[in-house]
Amino acid sequence: MTSYVKLENIWKTFQEKKRKTEVLKGLNLDVEKGEFVVILGPSGEGKTTILRIIAGLLKQDKGHVYLRGEIVDDLPPKDRNVAMVPQNYALYPFMSVYDNIAFPLKIKHTPKEEIRKKVLEVAKMLRIDNLLDKKPSQLSGGQMQRVAIARALVKGADIILMDEPLSNLDAQIRVLAREELKELHRELGTTIIYVTHDQVEALSLATKVALLHDGIIQAYGPPMEVYRRPTNAWVGGFLGNPPMNIVKGKIVDGSVVVGNYKLGMPSDYKDIVKDGQEVLVGMRPEDLEISNSGALEGTVEFIESLGVYNIIHVRIGDSVIRVIEKTYHGRERGEKVKIAIDVNKIVLFEAATGKNLLYLQEERK
């Protein structure tokens, strides 16, 4: 299938006084028509820069941007048929909802009747036709989001770029706005590229999530695939709350050994590891269980009580491993515990590069 939005080997450096900051370093991204792709990463990694390059508001130093199968490197923003929904929705507070939606058409000198027809059509589609006389200050966060999207759609944009649009909303309103946005995408089938540093947003909204770090996309795919099978140790250690436990290990006699403890061997890895190989061992906190039959032994160092579950921090040798415990056991600091894990839920990374050994094997084929 042809990519609807394609970024090919994109490089971007910013010059600030005497200092150069290389933000994007040969980044590649393919988005198919109708997908909801969320670009997730820590602050300052260049997420907004990617959106601005797609929209034509910034020019990349190297590489190419393709929209709908056509190269658009030299195409001005107004001709790209792309709409950007900024963090604060950029609604004009003194204008009605109708006038906010109609604004892009008015500056193009579109005939009044055509404006009215298009605004009503889009407003009905987004179920905000009863709000057209209201001002932005009278709207909820979710309604403002719909108005901003309506303004994008009314000018015919079929690619919508969203820059952390929910970050200014209160937590409860953000949950509702997130649900609305997901439902909206399901109804419209518009191609959306959305940036955030919020993992919950990324995992709940995306059809595909792209993890941005160190100027490139570190992992890209359906959210739970990226979560369960991280491409490298950075992805495993970044994604999840709490994130994946990553400890040093070694392959000994066909088993994964952590410190003095033998865990067995995940079936996916048994044919691709070598005896004596140094590895990084990834274990999700929710896959671990404090149990008398556990293979790992350690001491409780810290307990985070979060109501519905506790995060138990257990020291094992030089490492501290987090375990999610869903039932109340009244753990105490200094308590000796054993930790069990289904060995097939372990992820193994190459010690030198941090790459998942499964992906490393695929790369070498």
Protein backbone atom coordinates (compact mmCIF):
# COMPACT_ATOMS: atom_id res chain seq x y z
CA MET A 1 0.00 0.00 0.00
CA THR A 2 1.33 3.48 -0.91
CA SER A 3 2.15 5.70 2.07
CA TYR A 4 -0.18 8.66 2.46
CA VAL A 5 2.46 10.54 4.45
CA LYS A 6 6.08 9.51 4.07
CA LEU A 7 9.17 11.01 5.69
CA GLU A 8 12.36 9.73 4.10
CA ASN A 9 15.77 10.24 5.74
CA ILE A 10 14.82 13.58 7.35
CA TRP A 11 17.60 15.60 8.97
CA LYS A 12 17.11 18.89 10.83
CA THR A 13 19.63 21.00 12.77
CA PHE A 14 18.85 24.23 14.62
CA GLN A 15 21.49 26.93 15.04
CA GLU A 16 21.21 28.89 18.30
CA LYS A 17 23.92 31.54 18.65
CA LYS A 18 27.16 29.50 18.54
CA ARG A 19 25.48 26.19 19.33
CA LYS A 20 24.11 23.68 16.81
CA THR A 21 21.44 21.22 17.92
CA GLU A 22 20.88 18.21 15.69
CA VAL A 23 17.22 17.31 16.32
CA LEU A 24 16.32 14.83 13.55
CA LYS A 25 18.99 12.43 12.30
CA GLY A 26 17.81 10.52 9.25
CA LEU A 27 14.25 9.94 10.47
CA ASN A 28 11.90 7.70 8.46
CA LEU A 29 8.13 7.35 8.91
CA ASP A 30 5.37 5.83 6.74
CA VAL A 31 1.73 6.62 7.48
CA GLU A 32 -1.07 4.94 5.53
CA LYS A 33 -4.35 6.63 4.64
CA GLY A 34 -6.85 6.71 7.51
CA GLU A 35 -4.34 5.81 10.22
CA PHE A 36 -4.13 7.54 13.59
CA VAL A 37 -0.38 7.70 14.22
CA VAL A 38 0.87 9.03 17.54
CA ILE A 39 4.46 10.22 17.79
CA LEU A 40 5.51 9.70 21.39
CA GLY A 41 8.71 10.74 23.09
CA PRO A 42 10.28 12.79 25.88
CA SER A 43 10.08 16.60 25.70
CA GLY A 44 12.65 18.28 23.46
CA GLU A 45 13.08 15.34 21.06
CA GLY A 46 11.67 17.10 17.97
CA LYS A 47 8.05 15.91 17.86
CA THR A 48 6.64 19.34 16.93
CA THR A 49 9.48 19.79 14.43
CA ILE A 50 8.21 16.71 12.55
CA LEU A 51 4.69 18.17 12.30
CA ARG A 52 6.03 21.53 11.10
CA ILE A 53 8.10 19.82 8.40
CA ILE A 54 5.06 17.83 7.20
CA ALA A 55 2.98 21.03 7.11
CA GLY A 56 5.72 22.91 5.23
CA LEU A 57 6.21 25.44 8.02
CA LEU A 58 9.81 24.27 8.40
CA LYS A 59 12.20 23.02 5.72
CA GLN A 60 14.25 19.90 6.42
CA ASP A 61 18.04 20.09 5.85
CA LYS A 62 18.11 16.74 4.05
CA GLY A 63 15.60 14.08 3.02
CA HIS A 64 12.17 14.15 1.41
CA VAL A 65 8.52 14.61 2.41
CA TYR A 66 5.83 12.79 0.40
CA LEU A 67 2.09 13.47 0.73
CA ARG A 68 -0.44 11.23 -1.05
CA GLY A 69 2.42 9.64 -3.02
CA GLU A 70 3.82 12.97 -4.32
CA ILE A 71 7.04 14.68 -3.25
CA VAL A 72 6.22 18.06 -1.64
CA ASP A 73 9.62 19.39 -0.56
CA ASP A 74 9.13 22.69 -2.37
CA LEU A 75 5.35 22.96 -2.01
CA PRO A 76 4.22 25.91 0.20
CA PRO A 77 2.01 25.16 3.25
CA LYS A 78 -1.17 26.53 1.63
CA ASP A 79 -0.91 23.98 -1.20
CA ARG A 80 -0.26 20.87 0.92
CA ASN A 81 -3.92 20.42 1.99
CA VAL A 82 -2.77 19.68 5.53
CA ALA A 83 -4.29 21.21 8.68
CA MET A 84 -2.55 21.75 12.00
CA VAL A 85 -4.48 21.72 15.29
CA PRO A 86 -2.20 23.44 17.84
CA GLN A 87 -1.96 22.88 21.58
CA ASN A 88 -4.43 25.65 22.47
CA TYR A 89 -6.73 25.02 19.43
CA ALA A 90 -6.06 28.66 18.33
CA LEU A 91 -9.76 29.57 18.37
CA TYR A 92 -10.58 33.28 18.14
CA PRO A 93 -12.27 34.09 21.48
CA PHE A 94 -14.32 37.01 20.13
CA MET A 95 -15.76 34.99 17.22
CA SER A 96 -18.68 32.57 17.31
CA VAL A 97 -18.13 28.88 16.60
CA TYR A 98 -19.62 29.47 13.12
CA ASP A 99 -17.14 32.25 12.34
CA ASN A 100 -14.21 30.27 13.74
CA ILE A 101 -15.01 27.36 11.42
CA ALA A 102 -15.71 29.63 8.46
CA PHE A 103 -12.53 31.71 8.87
CA PRO A 104 -10.28 29.73 6.44
CA LEU A 105 -12.95 30.02 3.74
CA LYS A 106 -13.53 33.74 4.35
CA ILE A 107 -9.86 34.59 3.83
CA LYS A 108 -10.05 32.71 0.50
CA HIS A 109 -13.03 34.93 -0.46
CA THR A 110 -15.31 31.89 -0.84
CA PRO A 111 -18.92 32.92 -1.68
CA LYS A 112 -21.14 33.30 1.43
CA GLU A 113 -23.62 30.60 0.43
CA GLU A 114 -20.84 28.08 -0.17
CA ILE A 115 -19.30 28.95 3.23
CA ARG A 116 -22.65 28.43 4.95
CA LYS A 117 -23.20 25.09 3.22
CA LYS A 118 -19.71 23.78 4.08
CA VAL A 119 -19.79 24.98 7.70
CA LEU A 120 -23.21 23.39 8.34
CA GLU A 121 -22.13 20.15 6.66
CA VAL A 122 -18.97 19.83 8.76
CA ALA A 123 -20.68 20.99 11.97
CA LYS A 124 -23.40 18.32 11.56
CA MET A 125 -20.77 15.66 10.86
CA LEU A 126 -18.99 16.58 14.11
CA ARG A 127 -22.25 17.03 16.05
CA ILE A 128 -21.56 20.67 16.93
CA ASP A 129 -24.28 22.24 14.74
CA ASN A 130 -26.13 23.24 17.96
CA LEU A 131 -23.09 25.25 19.12
CA LEU A 132 -22.61 27.53 16.11
CA ASP A 133 -23.77 30.70 17.94
CA LYS A 134 -21.64 30.11 21.04
CA LYS A 135 -18.22 31.63 21.83
CA PRO A 136 -15.18 29.43 22.65
CA SER A 137 -15.38 30.43 26.34
CA GLN A 138 -18.78 28.69 26.53
CA LEU A 139 -17.42 25.35 25.23
CA SER A 140 -15.99 22.27 26.95
CA GLY A 141 -12.51 21.00 26.07
CA GLY A 142 -13.94 18.28 23.84
CA GLN A 143 -16.21 20.77 22.04
CA MET A 144 -13.29 23.14 21.40
CA GLN A 145 -11.37 20.21 19.96
CA ARG A 146 -14.24 19.50 17.57
CA VAL A 147 -14.40 23.12 16.48
CA ALA A 148 -10.66 23.12 15.75
CA ILE A 149 -11.05 19.91 13.72
CA ALA A 150 -14.10 21.32 11.91
CA ARG A 151 -12.02 24.32 10.86
CA ALA A 152 -9.39 21.90 9.51
CA LEU A 153 -11.97 19.83 7.60
CA VAL A 154 -13.90 22.78 6.14
CA LYS A 155 -10.92 23.79 4.04
CA GLY A 156 -10.72 20.26 2.63
CA ALA A 157 -7.69 18.99 4.58
CA ASP A 158 -7.60 15.20 4.74
CA ILE A 159 -4.38 15.06 6.79
CA ILE A 160 -4.68 16.55 10.28
CA LEU A 161 -1.62 17.26 12.43
CA MET A 162 -2.27 17.60 16.16
CA ASP A 163 0.30 19.07 18.55
CA GLU A 164 -0.47 17.92 22.12
CA PRO A 165 -4.07 19.18 21.80
CA LEU A 166 -5.21 17.77 25.16
CA SER A 167 -2.31 18.90 27.34
CA ASN A 168 -4.03 22.08 28.61
CA LEU A 169 -7.16 20.25 29.78
CA ASP A 170 -7.91 19.03 33.31
CA ALA A 171 -7.36 15.29 33.86
CA GLN A 172 -11.06 14.29 33.85
CA ILE A 173 -11.89 16.44 30.82
CA ARG A 174 -8.82 15.03 29.06
CA VAL A 175 -10.20 11.48 29.39
CA LEU A 176 -13.53 12.55 27.83
CA ALA A 177 -11.80 14.54 25.06
CA ARG A 178 -9.61 11.51 24.31
CA GLU A 179 -12.69 9.27 23.95
CA GLU A 180 -14.33 11.86 21.69
CA LEU A 181 -11.26 12.12 19.49
CA LYS A 182 -11.00 8.35 19.10
CA GLU A 183 -14.70 8.11 18.17
CA LEU A 184 -14.30 11.02 15.77
CA HIS A 185 -11.44 9.31 13.98
CA ARG A 186 -13.50 6.12 13.71
CA GLU A 187 -16.35 8.08 12.10
CA LEU A 188 -14.30 10.28 9.76
CA GLY A 189 -11.46 7.98 8.75
CA THR A 190 -9.20 11.04 8.37
CA THR A 191 -5.43 10.56 8.51
CA ILE A 192 -4.24 11.97 11.83
CA ILE A 193 -0.65 12.46 13.02
CA TYR A 194 -0.63 13.41 16.68
CA VAL A 195 2.29 14.22 18.97
CA THR A 196 2.39 13.81 22.73
CA HIS A 197 4.69 12.98 25.63
CA ASP A 198 1.74 11.30 27.41
CA GLN A 199 1.95 7.50 27.19
CA VAL A 200 -1.69 6.94 28.13
CA GLU A 201 -2.79 9.15 25.22
CA ALA A 202 -0.46 7.34 22.83
CA LEU A 203 -1.47 3.81 23.83
CA SER A 204 -5.21 4.56 23.96
CA LEU A 205 -5.54 6.67 20.78
CA ALA A 206 -3.08 5.28 18.23
CA THR A 207 -3.61 2.72 15.52
CA LYS A 208 0.21 2.91 15.37
CA VAL A 209 2.65 4.51 17.79
CA ALA A 210 6.07 5.89 16.77
CA LEU A 211 8.61 6.28 19.57
CA LEU A 212 10.97 9.18 18.92
CA HIS A 213 14.36 9.37 20.62
CA ASP A 214 17.81 10.57 19.62
CA GLY A 215 16.57 11.94 16.30
CA ILE A 216 15.07 8.73 14.89
CA ILE A 217 11.99 6.54 15.30
CA GLN A 218 13.10 3.82 17.73
CA ALA A 219 9.95 1.68 17.36
CA TYR A 220 6.85 1.83 15.16
CA GLY A 221 3.76 -0.34 15.09
CA PRO A 222 0.47 -1.16 16.85
CA PRO A 223 0.70 0.07 20.49
CA MET A 224 0.53 -3.30 22.25
CA GLU A 225 3.02 -4.86 19.82
CA VAL A 226 5.52 -2.08 20.58
CA TYR A 227 4.76 -2.48 24.31
CA ARG A 228 5.07 -6.26 24.50
CA ARG A 229 7.94 -6.64 22.03
CA PRO A 230 10.15 -3.53 22.36
CA THR A 231 12.75 -3.12 19.61
CA ASN A 232 15.44 -2.11 22.07
CA ALA A 233 16.15 -1.59 25.76
CA TRP A 234 15.44 2.16 25.54
CA VAL A 235 11.89 1.48 24.25
CA GLY A 236 11.29 -1.10 27.01
CA GLY A 237 12.64 1.25 29.66
CA PHE A 238 10.65 4.25 28.41
CA LEU A 239 7.26 2.70 27.64
CA GLY A 240 5.09 1.65 30.54
CA ASN A 241 4.28 3.02 33.98
CA PRO A 242 6.21 1.65 35.71
CA PRO A 243 8.52 0.82 32.78
CA MET A 244 10.11 -2.51 31.99
CA ASN A 245 12.73 -3.79 34.43
CA ILE A 246 16.04 -4.20 32.58
CA VAL A 247 18.86 -6.05 34.34
CA LYS A 248 22.17 -7.59 33.28
CA GLY A 249 22.18 -11.30 32.55
CA LYS A 250 24.10 -14.08 30.89
CA ILE A 251 23.26 -17.20 28.89
CA VAL A 252 24.56 -20.28 30.77
CA ASP A 253 23.80 -23.87 29.70
CA GLY A 254 20.67 -22.86 27.78
CA SER A 255 19.21 -20.72 30.58
CA VAL A 256 19.04 -17.00 31.34
CA VAL A 257 21.01 -16.28 34.49
CA VAL A 258 20.54 -13.07 36.50
CA GLY A 259 23.08 -12.75 39.31
CA ASN A 260 23.04 -16.15 41.00
CA TYR A 261 19.55 -17.06 39.77
CA LYS A 262 18.59 -19.26 36.82
CA LEU A 263 15.34 -18.28 35.06
CA GLY A 264 15.06 -20.72 32.15
CA MET A 265 14.95 -19.69 28.47
CA PRO A 266 12.10 -17.93 26.57
CA SER A 267 11.13 -20.20 23.66
CA ASP A 268 11.40 -17.37 21.08
CA TYR A 269 15.09 -16.90 21.89
CA LYS A 270 16.38 -20.44 22.43
CA ASP A 271 17.74 -20.85 18.88
CA ILE A 272 19.37 -17.41 18.60
CA VAL A 273 21.44 -17.11 21.78
CA LYS A 274 24.92 -18.50 22.45
CA ASP A 275 26.31 -19.96 25.63
CA GLY A 276 28.26 -17.37 27.61
CA GLN A 277 26.54 -14.45 25.80
CA GLU A 278 26.03 -11.26 27.86
CA VAL A 279 22.44 -9.98 27.58
CA LEU A 280 20.06 -7.42 29.05
CA VAL A 281 16.97 -9.09 30.50
CA GLY A 282 13.64 -7.23 30.19
CA MET A 283 10.73 -8.06 32.50
CA ARG A 284 7.48 -6.08 32.70
CA PRO A 285 6.44 -5.34 36.35
CA GLU A 286 2.93 -6.71 35.71
CA ASP A 287 4.40 -10.04 34.53
CA LEU A 288 6.19 -10.60 37.85
CA GLU A 289 4.64 -12.15 40.93
CA ILE A 290 5.84 -12.36 44.50
CA SER A 291 5.55 -16.08 45.18
CA ASN A 292 7.22 -18.79 47.26
CA SER A 293 7.95 -20.66 44.03
CA GLY A 294 9.88 -17.71 42.54
CA ALA A 295 13.32 -18.15 40.98
CA LEU A 296 14.59 -14.71 42.02
CA GLU A 297 15.19 -13.73 45.64
CA GLY A 298 15.50 -10.22 47.02
CA THR A 299 14.66 -7.69 49.70
CA VAL A 300 11.77 -5.20 49.65
CA GLU A 301 13.34 -1.74 49.48
CA PHE A 302 10.37 0.54 48.83
CA ILE A 303 6.58 0.27 48.45
CA GLU A 304 4.46 2.62 46.31
CA SER A 305 0.82 2.29 47.30
CA LEU A 306 -1.47 3.38 44.44
CA GLY A 307 -4.81 2.17 45.78
CA VAL A 308 -5.82 -0.47 43.23
CA TYR A 309 -2.30 -1.92 43.24
CA ASN A 310 1.10 -1.54 44.86
CA ILE A 311 4.47 -1.23 43.16
CA ILE A 312 6.98 -3.21 45.21
CA HIS A 313 10.64 -2.29 44.66
CA VAL A 314 12.79 -5.34 45.34
CA ARG A 315 16.59 -5.25 45.51
CA ILE A 316 18.27 -8.23 43.90
CA GLY A 317 22.06 -7.86 44.05
CA ASP A 318 23.01 -4.60 42.29
CA SER A 319 19.56 -4.17 40.69
CA VAL A 320 16.17 -2.97 41.91
CA ILE A 321 13.20 -4.68 40.23
CA ARG A 322 9.66 -3.28 40.32
CA VAL A 323 6.79 -5.74 40.80
CA ILE A 324 3.09 -4.84 40.49
CA GLU A 325 1.10 -6.53 43.26
CA LYS A 326 -2.65 -6.27 42.76
CA THR A 327 -3.74 -7.68 46.10
CA TYR A 328 -2.92 -6.18 49.49
CA HIS A 329 -0.29 -8.13 51.44
CA GLY A 330 1.00 -5.50 53.87
CA ARG A 331 4.59 -5.77 52.69
CA GLU A 332 7.32 -4.23 54.81
CA ARG A 333 10.65 -2.70 53.98
CA GLY A 334 13.45 -5.23 54.51
CA GLU A 335 11.14 -8.22 53.94
CA LYS A 336 12.72 -11.14 52.04
CA VAL A 337 10.65 -12.20 49.00
CA LYS A 338 10.84 -14.49 45.99
CA ILE A 339 9.78 -13.34 42.52
CA ALA A 340 8.33 -15.62 39.84
CA ILE A 341 7.90 -14.89 36.12
CA ASP A 342 6.54 -16.79 33.13
CA VAL A 343 9.85 -17.25 31.32
CA ASN A 344 8.20 -16.71 27.91
CA LYS A 345 7.36 -13.13 28.89
CA ILE A 346 11.06 -12.27 29.25
CA VAL A 347 12.60 -10.08 26.52
CA LEU A 348 16.32 -10.40 25.73
CA PHE A 349 18.43 -7.54 24.41
CA GLU A 350 22.00 -7.57 23.13
CA ALA A 351 24.21 -6.20 25.92
CA ALA A 352 26.40 -4.08 23.61
CA THR A 353 23.70 -2.35 21.50
CA GLY A 354 20.54 -2.79 23.59
CA LYS A 355 18.72 -4.21 20.54
CA ASN A 356 16.08 -6.91 20.98
CA LEU A 357 17.79 -10.13 19.85
CA LEU A 358 14.70 -11.10 17.81
CA TYR A 359 14.90 -7.91 15.72
CA LEU A 360 18.68 -8.24 15.49
CA GLN A 361 18.24 -11.71 13.99
CA GLU A 362 15.71 -10.35 11.46
CA GLU A 363 18.11 -7.51 10.49
CA ARG A 364 20.93 -9.99 9.85
CA LYS A 365 18.86 -12.30 7.62
